[in-house]
PDB file of N, CA and C in Angstrom:
ATOM      1  N   MET A   1     -10.501  37.705  18.003  1.00  0.00           N
ATOM      2  CA  MET A   1     -10.146  36.349  18.392  1.00  0.00           C
ATOM      3  C   MET A   1     -11.160  35.344  17.844  1.00  0.00           C
ATOM      4  N   SER A   2     -12.453  35.698  17.919  1.00  0.00           N
ATOM      5  CA  SER A   2     -13.466  34.764  17.435  1.00  0.00           C
ATOM      6  C   SER A   2     -13.387  34.600  15.914  1.00  0.00           C
ATOM      7  N   ARG A   3     -12.959  35.645  15.208  1.00  0.00           N
ATOM      8  CA  ARG A   3     -12.816  35.555  13.757  1.00  0.00           C
ATOM      9  C   ARG A   3     -11.689  34.580  13.401  1.00  0.00           C
ATOM     10  N   LEU A   4     -10.606  34.613  14.164  1.00  0.00           N
ATOM     11  CA  LEU A   4      -9.489  33.694  13.949  1.00  0.00           C
ATOM     12  C   LEU A   4      -9.928  32.252  14.226  1.00  0.00           C
ATOM     13  N   LEU A   5     -10.701  32.065  15.266  1.00  0.00           N
ATOM     14  CA  LEU A   5     -11.197  30.729  15.594  1.00  0.00           C
ATOM     15  C   LEU A   5     -12.143  30.215  14.508  1.00  0.00           C
ATOM     16  N   ASN A   6     -13.024  31.068  14.012  1.00  0.00           N
ATOM     17  CA  ASN A   6     -13.934  30.665  12.933  1.00  0.00           C
ATOM     18  C   ASN A   6     -13.165  30.319  11.656  1.00  0.00           C
ATOM     19  N   LYS A   7     -12.130  31.096  11.366  1.00  0.00           N
ATOM     20  CA  LYS A   7     -11.309  30.819  10.186  1.00  0.00           C
ATOM     21  C   LYS A   7     -10.594  29.473  10.342  1.00  0.00           C
ATOM     22  N   PHE A   8     -10.104  29.197  11.543  1.00  0.00           N
ATOM     23  CA  PHE A   8      -9.439  27.924  11.818  1.00  0.00           C
ATOM     24  C   PHE A   8     -10.399  26.753  11.673  1.00  0.00           C
ATOM     25  N   MET A   9     -11.620  26.904  12.144  1.00  0.00           N
ATOM     26  CA  MET A   9     -12.619  25.831  12.075  1.00  0.00           C
ATOM     27  C   MET A   9     -13.060  25.564  10.638  1.00  0.00           C
ATOM     28  N   ALA A  10     -13.010  26.582   9.781  1.00  0.00           N
ATOM     29  CA  ALA A  10     -13.438  26.433   8.395  1.00  0.00           C
ATOM     30  C   ALA A  10     -12.334  25.907   7.487  1.00  0.00           C
ATOM     31  N   ASP A  11     -11.109  25.826   7.986  1.00  0.00           N
ATOM     32  CA  ASP A  11      -9.974  25.393   7.169  1.00  0.00           C
ATOM     33  C   ASP A  11     -10.033  23.886   6.962  1.00  0.00           C
ATOM     34  N   ASP A  12     -10.066  23.442   5.698  1.00  0.00           N
ATOM     35  CA  ASP A  12     -10.148  22.016   5.367  1.00  0.00           C
ATOM     36  C   ASP A  12      -8.832  21.452   4.849  1.00  0.00           C
ATOM     37  N   SER A  13      -7.771  22.202   4.841  1.00  0.00           N
ATOM     38  CA  SER A  13      -6.518  21.724   4.250  1.00  0.00           C
ATOM     39  C   SER A  13      -5.936  20.546   5.029  1.00  0.00           C
ATOM     40  N   GLY A  14      -6.111  20.523   6.337  1.00  0.00           N
ATOM     41  CA  GLY A  14      -5.613  19.394   7.129  1.00  0.00           C
ATOM     42  C   GLY A  14      -6.359  18.118   6.810  1.00  0.00           C
ATOM     43  N   ALA A  15      -7.664  18.224   6.620  1.00  0.00           N
ATOM     44  CA  ALA A  15      -8.468  17.051   6.283  1.00  0.00           C
ATOM     45  C   ALA A  15      -8.066  16.501   4.921  1.00  0.00           C
ATOM     46  N   THR A  16      -7.758  17.366   3.985  1.00  0.00           N
ATOM     47  CA  THR A  16      -7.332  16.927   2.657  1.00  0.00           C
ATOM     48  C   THR A  16      -6.006  16.189   2.749  1.00  0.00           C
ATOM     49  N   ALA A  17      -5.082  16.690   3.545  1.00  0.00           N
ATOM     50  CA  ALA A  17      -3.789  16.027   3.707  1.00  0.00           C
ATOM     51  C   ALA A  17      -3.965  14.643   4.327  1.00  0.00           C
ATOM     52  N   ILE A  18      -4.855  14.524   5.291  1.00  0.00           N
ATOM     53  CA  ILE A  18      -5.114  13.223   5.910  1.00  0.00           C
ATOM     54  C   ILE A  18      -5.719  12.261   4.901  1.00  0.00           C
ATOM     55  N   GLU A  19      -6.630  12.748   4.072  1.00  0.00           N
ATOM     56  CA  GLU A  19      -7.230  11.886   3.051  1.00  0.00           C
ATOM     57  C   GLU A  19      -6.188  11.391   2.061  1.00  0.00           C
ATOM     58  N   TYR A  20      -5.295  12.274   1.627  1.00  0.00           N
ATOM     59  CA  TYR A  20      -4.224  11.848   0.721  1.00  0.00           C
ATOM     60  C   TYR A  20      -3.319  10.829   1.394  1.00  0.00           C
ATOM     61  N   GLY A  21      -3.051  11.020   2.659  1.00  0.00           N
ATOM     62  CA  GLY A  21      -2.237  10.059   3.403  1.00  0.00           C
ATOM     63  C   GLY A  21      -2.891   8.699   3.489  1.00  0.00           C
ATOM     64  N   LEU A  22      -4.198   8.682   3.724  1.00  0.00           N
ATOM     65  CA  LEU A  22      -4.924   7.410   3.788  1.00  0.00           C
ATOM     66  C   LEU A  22      -4.942   6.717   2.435  1.00  0.00           C
ATOM     67  N   ILE A  23      -5.127   7.473   1.371  1.00  0.00           N
ATOM     68  CA  ILE A  23      -5.109   6.887   0.030  1.00  0.00           C
ATOM     69  C   ILE A  23      -3.737   6.289  -0.262  1.00  0.00           C
ATOM     70  N   ALA A  24      -2.674   7.006   0.072  1.00  0.00           N
ATOM     71  CA  ALA A  24      -1.314   6.503  -0.145  1.00  0.00           C
ATOM     72  C   ALA A  24      -1.068   5.238   0.664  1.00  0.00           C
ATOM     73  N   ALA A  25      -1.576   5.189   1.893  1.00  0.00           N
ATOM     74  CA  ALA A  25      -1.406   3.995   2.727  1.00  0.00           C
ATOM     75  C   ALA A  25      -2.144   2.807   2.132  1.00  0.00           C
ATOM     76  N   LEU A  26      -3.355   3.016   1.639  1.00  0.00           N
ATOM     77  CA  LEU A  26      -4.111   1.920   1.037  1.00  0.00           C
ATOM     78  C   LEU A  26      -3.439   1.406  -0.234  1.00  0.00           C
ATOM     79  N   ILE A  27      -2.909   2.308  -1.042  1.00  0.00           N
ATOM     80  CA  ILE A  27      -2.192   1.888  -2.244  1.00  0.00           C
ATOM     81  C   ILE A  27      -0.943   1.094  -1.858  1.00  0.00           C
ATOM     82  N   SER A  28      -0.242   1.524  -0.824  1.00  0.00           N
ATOM     83  CA  SER A  28       0.949   0.802  -0.370  1.00  0.00           C
ATOM     84  C   SER A  28       0.608  -0.599   0.100  1.00  0.00           C
ATOM     85  N   VAL A  29      -0.468  -0.727   0.855  1.00  0.00           N
ATOM     86  CA  VAL A  29      -0.889  -2.048   1.334  1.00  0.00           C
ATOM     87  C   VAL A  29      -1.254  -2.950   0.156  1.00  0.00           C
ATOM     88  N   ALA A  30      -1.941  -2.400  -0.844  1.00  0.00           N
ATOM     89  CA  ALA A  30      -2.306  -3.195  -2.016  1.00  0.00           C
ATOM     90  C   ALA A  30      -1.068  -3.640  -2.780  1.00  0.00           C
ATOM     91  N   LEU A  31      -0.100  -2.751  -2.932  1.00  0.00           N
ATOM     92  CA  LEU A  31       1.136  -3.124  -3.636  1.00  0.00           C
ATOM     93  C   LEU A  31       1.923  -4.186  -2.878  1.00  0.00           C
ATOM     94  N   ILE A  32       2.011  -4.060  -1.585  1.00  0.00           N
ATOM     95  CA  ILE A  32       2.731  -5.051  -0.776  1.00  0.00           C
ATOM     96  C   ILE A  32       2.044  -6.401  -0.850  1.00  0.00           C
ATOM     97  N   THR A  33       0.719  -6.400  -0.771  1.00  0.00           N
ATOM     98  CA  THR A  33      -0.035  -7.650  -0.861  1.00  0.00           C
ATOM     99  C   THR A  33       0.156  -8.310  -2.218  1.00  0.00           C
ATOM    100  N   GLY A  34       0.095  -7.522  -3.275  1.00  0.00           N
ATOM    101  CA  GLY A  34       0.297  -8.060  -4.617  1.00  0.00           C
ATOM    102  C   GLY A  34       1.702  -8.596  -4.818  1.00  0.00           C
ATOM    103  N   ALA A  35       2.695  -7.866  -4.335  1.00  0.00           N
ATOM    104  CA  ALA A  35       4.084  -8.314  -4.474  1.00  0.00           C
ATOM    105  C   ALA A  35       4.333  -9.589  -3.685  1.00  0.00           C
ATOM    106  N   THR A  36       3.739  -9.707  -2.518  1.00  0.00           N
ATOM    107  CA  THR A  36       3.893 -10.924  -1.720  1.00  0.00           C
ATOM    108  C   THR A  36       3.268 -12.120  -2.424  1.00  0.00           C
ATOM    109  N   ALA A  37       2.077 -11.928  -2.960  1.00  0.00           N
ATOM    110  CA  ALA A  37       1.410 -13.023  -3.672  1.00  0.00           C
ATOM    111  C   ALA A  37       2.203 -13.433  -4.909  1.00  0.00           C
ATOM    112  N   LEU A  38       2.705 -12.467  -5.644  1.00  0.00           N
ATOM    113  CA  LEU A  38       3.505 -12.753  -6.830  1.00  0.00           C
ATOM    114  C   LEU A  38       4.800 -13.458  -6.440  1.00  0.00           C
ATOM    115  N   GLY A  39       5.423 -13.011  -5.376  1.00  0.00           N
ATOM    116  CA  GLY A  39       6.663 -13.635  -4.901  1.00  0.00           C
ATOM    117  C   GLY A  39       6.440 -15.079  -4.495  1.00  0.00           C
ATOM    118  N   ASN A  40       5.349 -15.349  -3.801  1.00  0.00           N
ATOM    119  CA  ASN A  40       5.047 -16.726  -3.406  1.00  0.00           C
ATOM    120  C   ASN A  40       4.783 -17.602  -4.622  1.00  0.00           C
ATOM    121  N   SER A  41       4.093 -17.063  -5.604  1.00  0.00           N
ATOM    122  CA  SER A  41       3.811 -17.811  -6.823  1.00  0.00           C
ATOM    123  C   SER A  41       5.099 -18.114  -7.584  1.00  0.00           C
ATOM    124  N   LEU A  42       5.965 -17.129  -7.712  1.00  0.00           N
ATOM    125  CA  LEU A  42       7.242 -17.351  -8.395  1.00  0.00           C
ATOM    126  C   LEU A  42       8.113 -18.347  -7.639  1.00  0.00           C
ATOM    127  N   ASN A  43       8.106 -18.288  -6.332  1.00  0.00           N
ATOM    128  CA  ASN A  43       8.878 -19.233  -5.531  1.00  0.00           C
ATOM    129  C   ASN A  43       8.401 -20.653  -5.774  1.00  0.00           C
ATOM    130  N   THR A  44       7.103 -20.853  -5.836  1.00  0.00           N
ATOM    131  CA  THR A  44       6.550 -22.179  -6.103  1.00  0.00           C
ATOM    132  C   THR A  44       6.958 -22.661  -7.496  1.00  0.00           C
ATOM    133  N   GLN A  45       6.882 -21.790  -8.480  1.00  0.00           N
ATOM    134  CA  GLN A  45       7.254 -22.166  -9.849  1.00  0.00           C
ATOM    135  C   GLN A  45       8.732 -22.545  -9.931  1.00  0.00           C
ATOM    136  N   PHE A  46       9.603 -21.768  -9.313  1.00  0.00           N
ATOM    137  CA  PHE A  46      11.030 -22.077  -9.352  1.00  0.00           C
ATOM    138  C   PHE A  46      11.349 -23.358  -8.597  1.00  0.00           C
ATOM    139  N   ASN A  47      10.678 -23.615  -7.491  1.00  0.00           N
ATOM    140  CA  ASN A  47      10.887 -24.867  -6.767  1.00  0.00           C
ATOM    141  C   ASN A  47      10.453 -26.060  -7.604  1.00  0.00           C
ATOM    142  N   THR A  48       9.328 -25.930  -8.295  1.00  0.00           N
ATOM    143  CA  THR A  48       8.856 -27.003  -9.171  1.00  0.00           C
ATOM    144  C   THR A  48       9.845 -27.253 -10.296  1.00  0.00           C
ATOM    145  N   LEU A  49      10.331 -26.204 -10.913  1.00  0.00           N
ATOM    146  CA  LEU A  49      11.306 -26.317 -11.991  1.00  0.00           C
ATOM    147  C   LEU A  49      12.604 -26.943 -11.495  1.00  0.00           C
ATOM    148  N   SER A  50      13.057 -26.526 -10.319  1.00  0.00           N
ATOM    149  CA  SER A  50      14.275 -27.079  -9.742  1.00  0.00           C
ATOM    150  C   SER A  50      14.119 -28.563  -9.462  1.00  0.00           C
ATOM    151  N   THR A  51      12.986 -28.974  -8.960  1.00  0.00           N
ATOM    152  CA  THR A  51      12.733 -30.393  -8.693  1.00  0.00           C
ATOM    153  C   THR A  51      12.754 -31.198  -9.977  1.00  0.00           C
ATOM    154  N   LYS A  52      12.145 -30.672 -11.012  1.00  0.00           N
ATOM    155  CA  LYS A  52      12.118 -31.382 -12.301  1.00  0.00           C
ATOM    156  C   LYS A  52      13.520 -31.480 -12.907  1.00  0.00           C
ATOM    157  N   LEU A  53      14.347 -30.461 -12.731  1.00  0.00           N
ATOM    158  CA  LEU A  53      15.704 -30.497 -13.274  1.00  0.00           C
ATOM    159  C   LEU A  53      16.613 -31.433 -12.478  1.00  0.00           C
ATOM    160  N   ASN A  54      16.358 -31.611 -11.202  1.00  0.00           N
ATOM    161  CA  ASN A  54      17.203 -32.461 -10.358  1.00  0.00           C
ATOM    162  C   ASN A  54      16.828 -33.940 -10.445  1.00  0.00           C
ATOM    163  N   VAL A  55      15.774 -34.292 -11.145  1.00  0.00           N
ATOM    164  CA  VAL A  55      15.321 -35.679 -11.239  1.00  0.00           C
ATOM    165  C   VAL A  55      16.330 -36.517 -12.012  1.00  0.00           C
ATOM    166  N   THR A  56      17.004 -35.933 -12.982  1.00  0.00           N
ATOM    167  CA  THR A  56      17.905 -36.720 -13.841  1.00  0.00           C
ATOM    168  C   THR A  56      19.121 -37.184 -13.172  1.00  0.00           C
TER     169      THR A  56
END
């Protein structure tokens, strides 16, 4: 029984899976933040263009 417990305590595969999950979450947050910033910038550009076209 103690050998099984020692083997369980030495197993690092769960920690590796958690690390990969955290990396994936951080990449997702960065992509969402970038897409939001790009979307806001494009929205501003299109609104400016629309205003200039409607002046005539």
